[in-house]
Protein backbone atom coordinates (compact mmCIF):
# COMPACT_ATOMS: atom_id res chain seq x y z
CA MET A 1 115.09 91.87 98.83
CA GLU A 2 117.53 94.19 97.09
CA LEU A 3 116.73 97.21 94.93
CA LYS A 4 118.63 96.72 91.70
CA ILE A 5 120.04 99.55 89.56
CA GLY A 6 117.85 99.93 86.49
CA THR A 7 114.60 99.06 88.31
CA LYS A 8 111.78 101.03 86.65
CA ASP A 9 108.18 101.82 87.43
CA SER A 10 105.59 104.08 85.85
CA ILE A 11 102.42 105.92 86.71
CA LYS A 12 99.76 106.75 84.13
CA PHE A 13 97.96 109.99 84.96
CA LYS A 14 95.02 111.69 83.24
CA VAL A 15 95.56 115.47 83.32
CA GLU A 16 92.41 117.26 84.54
CA ASP A 17 91.46 120.93 84.85
CA LYS A 18 92.53 120.93 88.54
CA ASP A 19 96.07 120.05 87.37
CA LEU A 20 96.43 123.11 85.13
CA ALA A 21 98.79 125.97 86.03
CA LYS A 22 95.88 128.44 85.74
CA ASN A 23 94.18 126.69 88.68
CA LEU A 24 97.29 126.76 90.86
CA GLN A 25 98.04 130.47 90.62
CA ILE A 26 98.07 132.47 93.85
CA SER A 27 96.50 135.61 92.39
CA PRO A 28 94.80 136.52 89.11
CA GLU A 29 97.79 138.69 88.21
CA ASP A 30 99.90 135.54 87.90
CA ASN A 31 98.13 134.89 84.56
CA PHE A 32 99.24 131.27 84.34
CA PRO A 33 98.32 129.23 81.21
CA GLU A 34 95.73 126.47 80.87
CA VAL A 35 98.33 123.66 80.60
CA PHE A 36 99.67 120.99 82.95
CA ALA A 37 101.32 122.80 85.87
CA THR A 38 105.02 122.27 86.54
CA ALA A 39 104.14 121.71 90.22
CA ARG A 40 101.85 118.82 89.25
CA LEU A 41 104.51 117.45 86.86
CA VAL A 42 106.98 117.36 89.75
CA ALA A 43 104.43 115.63 91.99
CA LEU A 44 103.84 112.97 89.32
CA MET A 45 107.58 112.44 88.95
CA GLU A 46 108.03 112.11 92.72
CA CYS A 47 105.21 109.60 92.95
CA SER A 48 106.71 107.36 90.24
CA ALA A 49 110.02 107.26 92.13
CA ALA A 50 108.30 106.71 95.47
CA LYS A 51 106.36 103.78 93.97
CA ILE A 52 109.64 101.91 93.40
CA LEU A 53 110.52 102.16 97.10
CA ILE A 54 107.19 100.92 98.47
CA PRO A 55 108.21 97.24 98.61
CA PHE A 56 111.31 98.18 100.61
CA LEU A 57 109.58 100.13 103.37
CA GLU A 58 109.27 98.59 106.79
CA GLU A 59 106.33 99.28 109.11
CA GLY A 60 106.36 102.92 110.24
CA GLN A 61 108.58 104.03 107.34
CA LEU A 62 107.89 106.20 104.34
CA SER A 63 109.97 107.77 101.61
CA VAL A 64 110.43 111.51 101.30
CA GLY A 65 111.75 113.70 98.52
CA VAL A 66 115.12 115.30 99.21
CA GLU A 67 116.01 116.88 95.86
CA VAL A 68 114.29 117.43 92.51
CA ASN A 69 115.96 118.72 89.35
CA ILE A 70 113.66 118.80 86.32
CA LYS A 71 113.06 120.36 82.94
CA HIS A 72 109.46 120.97 81.88
CA LEU A 73 109.92 120.71 78.13
CA ALA A 74 106.43 120.90 76.58
CA PRO A 75 102.86 121.86 77.45
CA THR A 76 100.13 119.29 78.05
CA LEU A 77 96.41 120.00 77.75
CA SER A 78 93.62 118.86 80.07
CA GLY A 79 92.29 115.49 79.00
CA ASP A 80 95.63 114.15 77.82
CA THR A 81 97.43 111.32 79.63
CA ALA A 82 100.90 111.71 81.09
CA ILE A 83 103.06 108.71 81.89
CA SER A 84 105.90 109.21 84.36
CA THR A 85 108.69 106.65 84.48
CA ALA A 86 111.30 106.56 87.22
CA THR A 87 114.48 104.51 86.94
CA PHE A 88 116.60 103.70 90.00
CA GLU A 89 120.16 104.79 89.35
CA GLY A 90 121.83 103.81 92.62
CA MET A 91 122.60 104.93 96.15
CA GLU A 92 124.52 107.94 97.40
CA GLY A 93 125.07 107.12 101.05
CA LYS A 94 121.55 106.53 102.41
CA LEU A 95 119.92 108.41 99.53
CA TYR A 96 118.12 106.79 96.59
CA LYS A 97 118.83 108.40 93.18
CA PHE A 98 116.34 108.26 90.25
CA ARG A 99 116.23 109.34 86.62
CA LEU A 100 112.80 110.60 85.48
CA GLU A 101 110.95 110.96 82.21
CA VAL A 102 107.33 111.97 81.51
CA VAL A 103 105.60 111.60 78.16
CA ASP A 104 102.15 112.55 76.85
CA SER A 105 100.46 111.82 73.52
CA GLY A 106 102.87 114.22 71.80
CA GLY A 107 106.13 112.89 73.26
CA VAL A 108 108.47 113.85 76.09
CA ILE A 109 107.19 116.66 78.31
CA GLY A 110 109.61 116.43 81.23
CA THR A 111 112.93 114.92 82.29
CA GLY A 112 115.04 115.10 85.38
CA THR A 113 116.58 113.54 88.45
CA HIS A 114 115.20 112.98 91.91
CA THR A 115 116.60 111.89 95.28
CA ARG A 116 114.60 110.25 98.02
CA ALA A 117 115.29 109.05 101.58
CA ILE A 118 113.59 106.41 103.66
CA VAL A 119 112.65 107.75 107.10
CA THR A 120 110.38 106.79 109.98
CA LYS A 121 107.14 108.75 110.01
CA ASP A 122 107.38 109.34 113.79
CA ARG A 123 110.83 110.88 113.55
CA LEU A 124 109.82 113.04 110.58
CA MET A 125 106.72 114.35 112.34
CA SER A 126 108.59 114.90 115.60
CA GLY A 127 111.17 117.02 113.77
CA ALA A 128 108.45 118.98 111.98
CA ASN A 129 106.63 119.68 115.26
CA LYS A 130 109.86 120.81 116.96
CA ARG A 131 110.45 123.31 114.16
CA VAL A 132 107.19 125.10 115.01
CA GLY A 133 107.47 124.74 118.80
CA LYS A 134 104.95 121.95 119.32
């Protein structure tokens, strides 16, 4: 099976209170707003790209994010639905490149690009453990 340029997939996501920037702040002084957090927007975008790669993973493999470049263009309130669509744009060496767009009931809230790699879980975890001396 071959991944074709232009392949798309989407994830529909209901924004809840736990997804708001206010609930992701580190300290009260951060004073983040009660709107969809950029960190959660990025996670949603990554998941929509990762979903495209699932059929291409062999046993013991997973895909990991390598690069994310996004613009968070508009606020989204709790209770609204965000739909993230990833489009496969091609390969750069062993890396998979995606174009991203997220919309809510009011229109586009985020756009960007994302790069993923397919790795073996064992190798990834071995490298992570070596970094911390395990």
